[in-house]
């Protein structure tokens, strides 16, 4: 299964599934952002089971209030990604940030790349 597509992302924070953005998955790379931060990194599908994904993200503040989904004002930080492909249109998992714990994420496939 190819993950290459435009996806919307949501992150579970104290107030619920309130934070979100857009990401593009293409050839194992991930690019995206929201109104305050952009993200780039790698995300790969486990070829043995084709249901688990893993990767990493660099997250960089670029605009507005500097408040992360983890509740701090980090200007640049890294995340480890672990997730499960639930269907061709849904991925969910956790984002781990050293020293800050983890938060849940979910991706919804929205458009194919042309």
PDB file of N, CA and C in Angstrom:
ATOM      1  N   UNK A   1       0.849  -1.172   0.000  1.00  0.00           N
ATOM      2  CA  UNK A   1       0.000   0.000   0.000  1.00  0.00           C
ATOM      3  C   UNK A   1       0.899   1.241   0.000  1.00  0.00           C
ATOM      4  N   UNK A   2       0.621   2.147  -0.884  1.00  0.00           N
ATOM      5  CA  UNK A   2       1.368   3.404  -0.929  1.00  0.00           C
ATOM      6  C   UNK A   2       0.681   4.441  -0.042  1.00  0.00           C
ATOM      7  N   UNK A   3       1.481   5.143   0.718  1.00  0.00           N
ATOM      8  CA  UNK A   3       0.950   6.186   1.590  1.00  0.00           C
ATOM      9  C   UNK A   3       0.996   7.562   0.930  1.00  0.00           C
ATOM     10  N   UNK A   4       1.596   7.647  -0.255  1.00  0.00           N
ATOM     11  CA  UNK A   4       1.761   8.933  -0.931  1.00  0.00           C
ATOM     12  C   UNK A   4       0.414   9.590  -1.175  1.00  0.00           C
ATOM     13  N   UNK A   5       0.195  10.736  -0.525  1.00  0.00           N
ATOM     14  CA  UNK A   5      -1.066  11.475  -0.641  1.00  0.00           C
ATOM     15  C   UNK A   5      -0.972  12.733   0.203  1.00  0.00           C
ATOM     16  N   UNK A   6      -1.974  13.577   0.092  1.00  0.00           N
ATOM     17  CA  UNK A   6      -2.162  14.713   0.996  1.00  0.00           C
ATOM     18  C   UNK A   6      -3.099  14.234   2.100  1.00  0.00           C
ATOM     19  N   UNK A   7      -2.704  14.459   3.345  1.00  0.00           N
ATOM     20  CA  UNK A   7      -3.448  14.012   4.514  1.00  0.00           C
ATOM     21  C   UNK A   7      -3.730  15.202   5.424  1.00  0.00           C
ATOM     22  N   UNK A   8      -4.809  15.154   6.166  1.00  0.00           N
ATOM     23  CA  UNK A   8      -5.000  16.105   7.261  1.00  0.00           C
ATOM     24  C   UNK A   8      -4.577  15.412   8.546  1.00  0.00           C
ATOM     25  N   UNK A   9      -4.036  16.208   9.466  1.00  0.00           N
ATOM     26  CA  UNK A   9      -3.523  15.680  10.727  1.00  0.00           C
ATOM     27  C   UNK A   9      -4.271  16.323  11.887  1.00  0.00           C
ATOM     28  N   UNK A  10      -4.551  15.523  12.899  1.00  0.00           N
ATOM     29  CA  UNK A  10      -5.125  16.026  14.148  1.00  0.00           C
ATOM     30  C   UNK A  10      -4.295  15.484  15.300  1.00  0.00           C
ATOM     31  N   UNK A  11      -4.164  16.298  16.349  1.00  0.00           N
ATOM     32  CA  UNK A  11      -3.388  15.929  17.517  1.00  0.00           C
ATOM     33  C   UNK A  11      -4.272  16.066  18.746  1.00  0.00           C
ATOM     34  N   UNK A  12      -4.226  15.058  19.607  1.00  0.00           N
ATOM     35  CA  UNK A  12      -5.054  15.090  20.811  1.00  0.00           C
ATOM     36  C   UNK A  12      -4.310  15.835  21.917  1.00  0.00           C
ATOM     37  N   UNK A  13      -4.890  16.943  22.355  1.00  0.00           N
ATOM     38  CA  UNK A  13      -4.321  17.738  23.433  1.00  0.00           C
ATOM     39  C   UNK A  13      -5.321  17.756  24.585  1.00  0.00           C
ATOM     40  N   UNK A  14      -5.033  18.520  25.618  1.00  0.00           N
ATOM     41  CA  UNK A  14      -5.889  18.552  26.803  1.00  0.00           C
ATOM     42  C   UNK A  14      -7.345  18.835  26.451  1.00  0.00           C
ATOM     43  N   UNK A  15      -7.593  19.721  25.491  1.00  0.00           N
ATOM     44  CA  UNK A  15      -8.956  20.076  25.114  1.00  0.00           C
ATOM     45  C   UNK A  15      -9.605  19.133  24.124  1.00  0.00           C
ATOM     46  N   UNK A  16      -8.939  18.038  23.772  1.00  0.00           N
ATOM     47  CA  UNK A  16      -9.475  17.081  22.805  1.00  0.00           C
ATOM     48  C   UNK A  16      -8.690  17.122  21.504  1.00  0.00           C
ATOM     49  N   UNK A  17      -9.353  16.741  20.425  1.00  0.00           N
ATOM     50  CA  UNK A  17      -8.714  16.709  19.102  1.00  0.00           C
ATOM     51  C   UNK A  17      -8.819  18.097  18.471  1.00  0.00           C
ATOM     52  N   UNK A  18      -8.107  19.072  19.057  1.00  0.00           N
ATOM     53  CA  UNK A  18      -8.279  20.452  18.627  1.00  0.00           C
ATOM     54  C   UNK A  18      -7.167  20.971  17.724  1.00  0.00           C
ATOM     55  N   UNK A  19      -5.966  20.447  17.844  1.00  0.00           N
ATOM     56  CA  UNK A  19      -4.859  20.912  17.005  1.00  0.00           C
ATOM     57  C   UNK A  19      -4.816  20.101  15.728  1.00  0.00           C
ATOM     58  N   UNK A  20      -4.446  20.744  14.617  1.00  0.00           N
ATOM     59  CA  UNK A  20      -4.346  19.995  13.379  1.00  0.00           C
ATOM     60  C   UNK A  20      -3.632  20.761  12.300  1.00  0.00           C
ATOM     61  N   UNK A  21      -3.386  20.072  11.208  1.00  0.00           N
ATOM     62  CA  UNK A  21      -2.703  20.668  10.078  1.00  0.00           C
ATOM     63  C   UNK A  21      -2.834  19.785   8.864  1.00  0.00           C
ATOM     64  N   UNK A  22      -1.957  20.013   7.909  1.00  0.00           N
ATOM     65  CA  UNK A  22      -1.945  19.267   6.658  1.00  0.00           C
ATOM     66  C   UNK A  22      -0.548  18.700   6.455  1.00  0.00           C
ATOM     67  N   UNK A  23      -0.461  17.450   5.990  1.00  0.00           N
ATOM     68  CA  UNK A  23       0.828  16.845   5.666  1.00  0.00           C
ATOM     69  C   UNK A  23       0.756  16.164   4.311  1.00  0.00           C
ATOM     70  N   UNK A  24       1.897  16.138   3.640  1.00  0.00           N
ATOM     71  CA  UNK A  24       2.048  15.402   2.393  1.00  0.00           C
ATOM     72  C   UNK A  24       3.036  14.278   2.657  1.00  0.00           C
ATOM     73  N   UNK A  25       2.627  13.069   2.330  1.00  0.00           N
ATOM     74  CA  UNK A  25       3.514  11.910   2.397  1.00  0.00           C
ATOM     75  C   UNK A  25       3.905  11.571   0.964  1.00  0.00           C
ATOM     76  N   UNK A  26       5.222  11.528   0.720  1.00  0.00           N
ATOM     77  CA  UNK A  26       5.699  11.222  -0.622  1.00  0.00           C
ATOM     78  C   UNK A  26       7.042  10.520  -0.539  1.00  0.00           C
ATOM     79  N   UNK A  27       7.071   9.273  -1.028  1.00  0.00           N
ATOM     80  CA  UNK A  27       8.309   8.486  -1.111  1.00  0.00           C
ATOM     81  C   UNK A  27       9.057   8.425   0.219  1.00  0.00           C
ATOM     82  N   UNK A  28       8.314   8.203   1.309  1.00  0.00           N
ATOM     83  CA  UNK A  28       8.922   8.071   2.623  1.00  0.00           C
ATOM     84  C   UNK A  28       9.219   9.380   3.323  1.00  0.00           C
ATOM     85  N   UNK A  29       8.916  10.486   2.674  1.00  0.00           N
ATOM     86  CA  UNK A  29       9.138  11.801   3.276  1.00  0.00           C
ATOM     87  C   UNK A  29       7.799  12.377   3.723  1.00  0.00           C
ATOM     88  N   UNK A  30       7.856  13.235   4.744  1.00  0.00           N
ATOM     89  CA  UNK A  30       6.650  13.887   5.239  1.00  0.00           C
ATOM     90  C   UNK A  30       6.927  15.380   5.349  1.00  0.00           C
ATOM     91  N   UNK A  31       6.013  16.173   4.789  1.00  0.00           N
ATOM     92  CA  UNK A  31       6.106  17.630   4.812  1.00  0.00           C
ATOM     93  C   UNK A  31       4.751  18.170   5.243  1.00  0.00           C
ATOM     94  N   UNK A  32       4.738  19.211   6.040  1.00  0.00           N
ATOM     95  CA  UNK A  32       3.440  19.763   6.407  1.00  0.00           C
ATOM     96  C   UNK A  32       3.551  20.898   7.378  1.00  0.00           C
ATOM     97  N   UNK A  33       2.400  21.222   7.968  1.00  0.00           N
ATOM     98  CA  UNK A  33       2.390  22.284   8.941  1.00  0.00           C
ATOM     99  C   UNK A  33       0.990  22.655   9.374  1.00  0.00           C
ATOM    100  N   UNK A  34       0.967  23.626  10.285  1.00  0.00           N
ATOM    101  CA  UNK A  34      -0.286  24.205  10.766  1.00  0.00           C
ATOM    102  C   UNK A  34      -0.103  25.713  10.799  1.00  0.00           C
ATOM    103  N   UNK A  35      -0.912  26.429  11.516  1.00  0.00           N
ATOM    104  CA  UNK A  35      -0.843  27.880  11.533  1.00  0.00           C
ATOM    105  C   UNK A  35       0.354  28.473  12.258  1.00  0.00           C
ATOM    106  N   UNK A  36       1.103  27.643  12.995  1.00  0.00           N
ATOM    107  CA  UNK A  36       2.228  28.139  13.778  1.00  0.00           C
ATOM    108  C   UNK A  36       3.544  27.400  13.514  1.00  0.00           C
ATOM    109  N   UNK A  37       3.460  26.140  13.159  1.00  0.00           N
ATOM    110  CA  UNK A  37       4.651  25.303  13.007  1.00  0.00           C
ATOM    111  C   UNK A  37       4.626  24.592  11.660  1.00  0.00           C
ATOM    112  N   UNK A  38       5.827  24.371  11.094  1.00  0.00           N
ATOM    113  CA  UNK A  38       5.915  23.466   9.949  1.00  0.00           C
ATOM    114  C   UNK A  38       6.701  22.243  10.385  1.00  0.00           C
ATOM    115  N   UNK A  39       6.476  21.135   9.669  1.00  0.00           N
ATOM    116  CA  UNK A  39       7.125  19.881  10.020  1.00  0.00           C
ATOM    117  C   UNK A  39       7.703  19.226   8.769  1.00  0.00           C
ATOM    118  N   UNK A  40       8.830  18.553   8.960  1.00  0.00           N
ATOM    119  CA  UNK A  40       9.400  17.756   7.884  1.00  0.00           C
ATOM    120  C   UNK A  40      10.163  16.591   8.485  1.00  0.00           C
ATOM    121  N   UNK A  41      10.177  15.496   7.746  1.00  0.00           N
ATOM    122  CA  UNK A  41      10.859  14.313   8.245  1.00  0.00           C
ATOM    123  C   UNK A  41      10.633  13.115   7.362  1.00  0.00           C
ATOM    124  N   UNK A  42      10.635  11.945   7.985  1.00  0.00           N
ATOM    125  CA  UNK A  42      10.498  10.673   7.284  1.00  0.00           C
ATOM    126  C   UNK A  42       9.395   9.860   7.953  1.00  0.00           C
ATOM    127  N   UNK A  43       8.674   9.111   7.134  1.00  0.00           N
ATOM    128  CA  UNK A  43       7.659   8.188   7.641  1.00  0.00           C
ATOM    129  C   UNK A  43       7.638   6.999   6.709  1.00  0.00           C
ATOM    130  N   UNK A  44       7.879   5.819   7.247  1.00  0.00           N
ATOM    131  CA  UNK A  44       7.905   4.639   6.387  1.00  0.00           C
ATOM    132  C   UNK A  44       6.986   3.551   6.897  1.00  0.00           C
ATOM    133  N   UNK A  45       6.463   2.833   5.941  1.00  0.00           N
ATOM    134  CA  UNK A  45       5.580   1.701   6.185  1.00  0.00           C
ATOM    135  C   UNK A  45       6.440   0.469   6.385  1.00  0.00           C
ATOM    136  N   UNK A  46       6.147  -0.315   7.414  1.00  0.00           N
ATOM    137  CA  UNK A  46       6.877  -1.554   7.646  1.00  0.00           C
ATOM    138  C   UNK A  46       6.540  -2.521   6.513  1.00  0.00           C
ATOM    139  N   UNK A  47       7.527  -2.921   5.691  1.00  0.00           N
ATOM    140  CA  UNK A  47       7.233  -3.787   4.545  1.00  0.00           C
ATOM    141  C   UNK A  47       6.802  -5.202   4.931  1.00  0.00           C
ATOM    142  N   UNK A  48       7.078  -5.614   6.169  1.00  0.00           N
ATOM    143  CA  UNK A  48       6.722  -6.969   6.586  1.00  0.00           C
ATOM    144  C   UNK A  48       5.250  -7.114   6.908  1.00  0.00           C
ATOM    145  N   UNK A  49       4.650  -6.072   7.497  1.00  0.00           N
ATOM    146  CA  UNK A  49       3.235  -6.215   7.847  1.00  0.00           C
ATOM    147  C   UNK A  49       2.332  -5.205   7.135  1.00  0.00           C
ATOM    148  N   UNK A  50       2.915  -4.160   6.554  1.00  0.00           N
ATOM    149  CA  UNK A  50       2.181  -3.115   5.840  1.00  0.00           C
ATOM    150  C   UNK A  50       1.045  -2.495   6.650  1.00  0.00           C
ATOM    151  N   UNK A  51       1.146  -2.570   7.982  1.00  0.00           N
ATOM    152  CA  UNK A  51       0.156  -1.897   8.824  1.00  0.00           C
ATOM    153  C   UNK A  51       0.797  -0.966   9.840  1.00  0.00           C
ATOM    154  N   UNK A  52       2.096  -1.079  10.077  1.00  0.00           N
ATOM    155  CA  UNK A  52       2.731  -0.186  11.038  1.00  0.00           C
ATOM    156  C   UNK A  52       3.629   0.812  10.311  1.00  0.00           C
ATOM    157  N   UNK A  53       3.661   2.030  10.864  1.00  0.00           N
ATOM    158  CA  UNK A  53       4.510   3.079  10.327  1.00  0.00           C
ATOM    159  C   UNK A  53       5.405   3.604  11.439  1.00  0.00           C
ATOM    160  N   UNK A  54       6.561   4.109  11.048  1.00  0.00           N
ATOM    161  CA  UNK A  54       7.486   4.700  12.010  1.00  0.00           C
ATOM    162  C   UNK A  54       8.278   5.781  11.303  1.00  0.00           C
ATOM    163  N   UNK A  55       8.721   6.755  12.084  1.00  0.00           N
ATOM    164  CA  UNK A  55       9.521   7.818  11.498  1.00  0.00           C
ATOM    165  C   UNK A  55       9.868   8.878  12.513  1.00  0.00           C
ATOM    166  N   UNK A  56      10.283  10.015  11.994  1.00  0.00           N
ATOM    167  CA  UNK A  56      10.662  11.128  12.845  1.00  0.00           C
ATOM    168  C   UNK A  56      10.318  12.441  12.153  1.00  0.00           C
ATOM    169  N   UNK A  57      10.126  13.475  12.948  1.00  0.00           N
ATOM    170  CA  UNK A  57       9.788  14.806  12.453  1.00  0.00           C
ATOM    171  C   UNK A  57      10.652  15.857  13.129  1.00  0.00           C
ATOM    172  N   UNK A  58      11.023  16.853  12.368  1.00  0.00           N
ATOM    173  CA  UNK A  58      11.574  18.092  12.910  1.00  0.00           C
ATOM    174  C   UNK A  58      10.430  19.088  12.851  1.00  0.00           C
ATOM    175  N   UNK A  59      10.154  19.780  13.948  1.00  0.00           N
ATOM    176  CA  UNK A  59       9.051  20.737  14.037  1.00  0.00           C
ATOM    177  C   UNK A  59       9.654  22.107  14.335  1.00  0.00           C
ATOM    178  N   UNK A  60       9.274  23.109  13.511  1.00  0.00           N
ATOM    179  CA  UNK A  60       9.881  24.439  13.614  1.00  0.00           C
ATOM    180  C   UNK A  60       8.794  25.509  13.668  1.00  0.00           C
ATOM    181  N   UNK A  61       8.889  26.413  14.647  1.00  0.00           N
ATOM    182  CA  UNK A  61       7.965  27.537  14.737  1.00  0.00           C
ATOM    183  C   UNK A  61       8.296  28.542  13.635  1.00  0.00           C
ATOM    184  N   UNK A  62       7.246  29.087  12.993  1.00  0.00           N
ATOM    185  CA  UNK A  62       7.469  30.093  11.952  1.00  0.00           C
ATOM    186  C   UNK A  62       6.553  31.309  12.069  1.00  0.00           C
ATOM    187  N   UNK A  63       5.457  31.220  12.835  1.00  0.00           N
ATOM    188  CA  UNK A  63       4.497  32.318  12.845  1.00  0.00           C
ATOM    189  C   UNK A  63       3.634  32.306  14.112  1.00  0.00           C
ATOM    190  N   UNK A  64       3.287  33.483  14.580  1.00  0.00           N
ATOM    191  CA  UNK A  64       2.312  33.612  15.654  1.00  0.00           C
ATOM    192  C   UNK A  64       2.805  33.151  17.007  1.00  0.00           C
ATOM    193  N   UNK A  65       1.829  32.851  17.850  1.00  0.00           N
ATOM    194  CA  UNK A  65       2.128  32.410  19.210  1.00  0.00           C
ATOM    195  C   UNK A  65       2.966  31.142  19.177  1.00  0.00           C
ATOM    196  N   UNK A  66       3.965  31.090  20.019  1.00  0.00           N
ATOM    197  CA  UNK A  66       4.831  29.923  20.080  1.00  0.00           C
ATOM    198  C   UNK A  66       4.368  29.025  21.219  1.00  0.00           C
ATOM    199  N   UNK A  67       3.356  28.184  20.925  1.00  0.00           N
ATOM    200  CA  UNK A  67       2.826  27.248  21.914  1.00  0.00           C
ATOM    201  C   UNK A  67       2.614  25.906  21.223  1.00  0.00           C
ATOM    202  N   UNK A  68       3.316  24.888  21.685  1.00  0.00           N
ATOM    203  CA  UNK A  68       3.226  23.571  21.066  1.00  0.00           C
ATOM    204  C   UNK A  68       2.028  22.791  21.604  1.00  0.00           C
ATOM    205  N   UNK A  69       1.697  21.708  20.935  1.00  0.00           N
ATOM    206  CA  UNK A  69       0.648  20.808  21.419  1.00  0.00           C
ATOM    207  C   UNK A  69       1.056  20.148  22.739  1.00  0.00           C
ATOM    208  N   UNK A  70       2.346  20.206  23.078  1.00  0.00           N
ATOM    209  CA  UNK A  70       2.845  19.652  24.337  1.00  0.00           C
ATOM    210  C   UNK A  70       2.754  20.670  25.485  1.00  0.00           C
ATOM    211  N   UNK A  71       2.302  21.898  25.175  1.00  0.00           N
ATOM    212  CA  UNK A  71       2.086  22.892  26.211  1.00  0.00           C
ATOM    213  C   UNK A  71       3.277  23.767  26.543  1.00  0.00           C
ATOM    214  N   UNK A  72       4.339  23.741  25.726  1.00  0.00           N
ATOM    215  CA  UNK A  72       5.493  24.601  25.973  1.00  0.00           C
ATOM    216  C   UNK A  72       5.690  25.545  24.780  1.00  0.00           C
ATOM    217  N   UNK A  73       6.736  26.358  24.841  1.00  0.00           N
ATOM    218  CA  UNK A  73       6.999  27.346  23.786  1.00  0.00           C
ATOM    219  C   UNK A  73       8.211  26.965  22.949  1.00  0.00           C
ATOM    220  N   UNK A  74       8.386  25.687  22.669  1.00  0.00           N
ATOM    221  CA  UNK A  74       9.551  25.224  21.921  1.00  0.00           C
ATOM    222  C   UNK A  74       9.643  25.796  20.517  1.00  0.00           C
ATOM    223  N   UNK A  75      10.781  26.423  20.163  1.00  0.00           N
ATOM    224  CA  UNK A  75      10.927  26.968  18.818  1.00  0.00           C
ATOM    225  C   UNK A  75      11.265  25.895  17.778  1.00  0.00           C
ATOM    226  N   UNK A  76      12.032  24.876  18.174  1.00  0.00           N
ATOM    227  CA  UNK A  76      12.420  23.772  17.290  1.00  0.00           C
ATOM    228  C   UNK A  76      12.525  22.516  18.148  1.00  0.00           C
ATOM    229  N   UNK A  77      11.914  21.419  17.701  1.00  0.00           N
ATOM    230  CA  UNK A  77      12.026  20.170  18.448  1.00  0.00           C
ATOM    231  C   UNK A  77      11.815  18.982  17.519  1.00  0.00           C
ATOM    232  N   UNK A  78      12.155  17.815  18.013  1.00  0.00           N
ATOM    233  CA  UNK A  78      12.033  16.576  17.245  1.00  0.00           C
ATOM    234  C   UNK A  78      10.990  15.664  17.858  1.00  0.00           C
ATOM    235  N   UNK A  79      10.338  14.889  17.000  1.00  0.00           N
ATOM    236  CA  UNK A  79       9.343  13.910  17.427  1.00  0.00           C
ATOM    237  C   UNK A  79       9.632  12.567  16.784  1.00  0.00           C
ATOM    238  N   UNK A  80       9.386  11.505  17.505  1.00  0.00           N
ATOM    239  CA  UNK A  80       9.397  10.154  16.949  1.00  0.00           C
ATOM    240  C   UNK A  80       7.947   9.762  16.697  1.00  0.00           C
ATOM    241  N   UNK A  81       7.704   9.108  15.578  1.00  0.00           N
ATOM    242  CA  UNK A  81       6.351   8.723  15.174  1.00  0.00           C
ATOM    243  C   UNK A  81       6.227   7.204  15.223  1.00  0.00           C
ATOM    244  N   UNK A  82       5.144   6.710  15.807  1.00  0.00           N
ATOM    245  CA  UNK A  82       4.783   5.301  15.757  1.00  0.00           C
ATOM    246  C   UNK A  82       3.295   5.238  15.482  1.00  0.00           C
ATOM    247  N   UNK A  83       2.901   4.452  14.484  1.00  0.00           N
ATOM    248  CA  UNK A  83       1.487   4.414  14.166  1.00  0.00           C
ATOM    249  C   UNK A  83       1.059   3.139  13.475  1.00  0.00           C
ATOM    250  N   UNK A  84      -0.242   3.087  13.215  1.00  0.00           N
ATOM    251  CA  UNK A  84      -0.873   1.942  12.577  1.00  0.00           C
ATOM    252  C   UNK A  84      -1.758   2.425  11.441  1.00  0.00           C
ATOM    253  N   UNK A  85      -1.648   1.765  10.304  1.00  0.00           N
ATOM    254  CA  UNK A  85      -2.540   2.039   9.178  1.00  0.00           C
ATOM    255  C   UNK A  85      -3.840   1.293   9.465  1.00  0.00           C
ATOM    256  N   UNK A  86      -4.890   2.044   9.714  1.00  0.00           N
ATOM    257  CA  UNK A  86      -6.183   1.446  10.042  1.00  0.00           C
ATOM    258  C   UNK A  86      -6.960   1.062   8.793  1.00  0.00           C
ATOM    259  N   UNK A  87      -6.765   1.821   7.724  1.00  0.00           N
ATOM    260  CA  UNK A  87      -7.423   1.593   6.441  1.00  0.00           C
ATOM    261  C   UNK A  87      -6.638   2.386   5.400  1.00  0.00           C
ATOM    262  N   UNK A  88      -6.973   2.286   4.118  1.00  0.00           N
ATOM    263  CA  UNK A  88      -6.259   3.099   3.115  1.00  0.00           C
ATOM    264  C   UNK A  88      -6.425   4.609   3.331  1.00  0.00           C
ATOM    265  N   UNK A  89      -7.391   5.007   4.161  1.00  0.00           N
ATOM    266  CA  UNK A  89      -7.641   6.433   4.377  1.00  0.00           C
ATOM    267  C   UNK A  89      -7.421   6.892   5.817  1.00  0.00           C
ATOM    268  N   UNK A  90      -6.880   6.052   6.685  1.00  0.00           N
ATOM    269  CA  UNK A  90      -6.722   6.432   8.094  1.00  0.00           C
ATOM    270  C   UNK A  90      -5.470   5.815   8.719  1.00  0.00           C
ATOM    271  N   UNK A  91      -4.731   6.653   9.428  1.00  0.00           N
ATOM    272  CA  UNK A  91      -3.563   6.235  10.202  1.00  0.00           C
ATOM    273  C   UNK A  91      -3.707   6.863  11.580  1.00  0.00           C
ATOM    274  N   UNK A  92      -3.385   6.113  12.628  1.00  0.00           N
ATOM    275  CA  UNK A  92      -3.370   6.703  13.969  1.00  0.00           C
ATOM    276  C   UNK A  92      -2.156   6.198  14.719  1.00  0.00           C
ATOM    277  N   UNK A  93      -1.763   6.943  15.748  1.00  0.00           N
ATOM    278  CA  UNK A  93      -0.605   6.535  16.522  1.00  0.00           C
ATOM    279  C   UNK A  93      -0.237   7.555  17.565  1.00  0.00           C
ATOM    280  N   UNK A  94       1.058   7.555  17.907  1.00  0.00           N
ATOM    281  CA  UNK A  94       1.553   8.481  18.914  1.00  0.00           C
ATOM    282  C   UNK A  94       2.788   9.218  18.399  1.00  0.00           C
ATOM    283  N   UNK A  95       2.947  10.427  18.924  1.00  0.00           N
ATOM    284  CA  UNK A  95       4.129  11.246  18.691  1.00  0.00           C
ATOM    285  C   UNK A  95       4.864  11.343  20.012  1.00  0.00           C
ATOM    286  N   UNK A  96       6.122  10.919  20.039  1.00  0.00           N
ATOM    287  CA  UNK A  96       6.908  10.953  21.272  1.00  0.00           C
ATOM    288  C   UNK A  96       7.935  12.080  21.180  1.00  0.00           C
ATOM    289  N   UNK A  97       7.971  12.875  22.240  1.00  0.00           N
ATOM    290  CA  UNK A  97       8.954  13.960  22.328  1.00  0.00           C
ATOM    291  C   UNK A  97       9.759  13.767  23.603  1.00  0.00           C
ATOM    292  N   UNK A  98      11.072  13.588  23.466  1.00  0.00           N
ATOM    293  CA  UNK A  98      11.906  13.377  24.652  1.00  0.00           C
ATOM    294  C   UNK A  98      11.698  14.476  25.702  1.00  0.00           C
ATOM    295  N   UNK A  99      11.457  14.049  26.927  1.00  0.00           N
ATOM    296  CA  UNK A  99      11.256  14.972  28.029  1.00  0.00           C
ATOM    297  C   UNK A  99       9.837  15.505  28.161  1.00  0.00           C
ATOM    298  N   UNK A 100       8.962  15.197  27.200  1.00  0.00           N
ATOM    299  CA  UNK A 100       7.600  15.719  27.225  1.00  0.00           C
ATOM    300  C   UNK A 100       6.539  14.635  27.110  1.00  0.00           C
ATOM    301  N   UNK A 101       6.941  13.394  26.946  1.00  0.00           N
ATOM    302  CA  UNK A 101       5.969  12.318  26.823  1.00  0.00           C
ATOM    303  C   UNK A 101       5.464  12.152  25.410  1.00  0.00           C
ATOM    304  N   UNK A 102       4.197  11.767  25.296  1.00  0.00           N
ATOM    305  CA  UNK A 102       3.625  11.448  23.987  1.00  0.00           C
ATOM    306  C   UNK A 102       2.224  12.012  23.874  1.00  0.00           C
ATOM    307  N   UNK A 103       1.796  12.215  22.635  1.00  0.00           N
ATOM    308  CA  UNK A 103       0.399  12.570  22.389  1.00  0.00           C
ATOM    309  C   UNK A 103      -0.081  11.810  21.164  1.00  0.00           C
ATOM    310  N   UNK A 104      -1.370  11.605  21.107  1.00  0.00           N
ATOM    311  CA  UNK A 104      -1.970  10.831  20.022  1.00  0.00           C
ATOM    312  C   UNK A 104      -2.131  11.705  18.779  1.00  0.00           C
ATOM    313  N   UNK A 105      -2.047  11.053  17.619  1.00  0.00           N
ATOM    314  CA  UNK A 105      -2.323  11.731  16.362  1.00  0.00           C
ATOM    315  C   UNK A 105      -3.192  10.835  15.500  1.00  0.00           C
ATOM    316  N   UNK A 106      -3.851  11.442  14.534  1.00  0.00           N
ATOM    317  CA  UNK A 106      -4.557  10.684  13.512  1.00  0.00           C
ATOM    318  C   UNK A 106      -4.449  11.447  12.194  1.00  0.00           C
ATOM    319  N   UNK A 107      -4.301  10.681  11.135  1.00  0.00           N
ATOM    320  CA  UNK A 107      -4.213  11.227   9.781  1.00  0.00           C
ATOM    321  C   UNK A 107      -5.385  10.708   8.961  1.00  0.00           C
ATOM    322  N   UNK A 108      -5.930  11.588   8.125  1.00  0.00           N
ATOM    323  CA  UNK A 108      -7.012  11.203   7.210  1.00  0.00           C
ATOM    324  C   UNK A 108      -6.576  11.555   5.788  1.00  0.00           C
ATOM    325  N   UNK A 109      -6.585  10.566   4.913  1.00  0.00           N
ATOM    326  CA  UNK A 109      -6.188  10.764   3.526  1.00  0.00           C
ATOM    327  C   UNK A 109      -7.253  11.624   2.835  1.00  0.00           C
ATOM    328  N   UNK A 110      -6.815  12.704   2.157  1.00  0.00           N
ATOM    329  CA  UNK A 110      -7.748  13.639   1.542  1.00  0.00           C
ATOM    330  C   UNK A 110      -7.642  13.717   0.022  1.00  0.00           C
ATOM    331  N   UNK A 111      -6.411  13.693  -0.526  1.00  0.00           N
ATOM    332  CA  UNK A 111      -6.228  13.830  -1.972  1.00  0.00           C
ATOM    333  C   UNK A 111      -5.031  13.003  -2.430  1.00  0.00           C
ATOM    334  N   UNK A 112      -5.152  12.441  -3.606  1.00  0.00           N
ATOM    335  CA  UNK A 112      -4.036  11.728  -4.204  1.00  0.00           C
ATOM    336  C   UNK A 112      -3.060  12.747  -4.802  1.00  0.00           C
ATOM    337  N   UNK A 113      -1.782  12.393  -4.856  1.00  0.00           N
ATOM    338  CA  UNK A 113      -0.784  13.247  -5.487  1.00  0.00           C
ATOM    339  C   UNK A 113      -0.794  12.971  -6.980  1.00  0.00           C
ATOM    340  N   UNK A 114      -0.739  14.016  -7.767  1.00  0.00           N
ATOM    341  CA  UNK A 114      -0.745  13.791  -9.213  1.00  0.00           C
ATOM    342  C   UNK A 114       0.578  14.142  -9.834  1.00  0.00           C
TER     343      UNK A 114
END
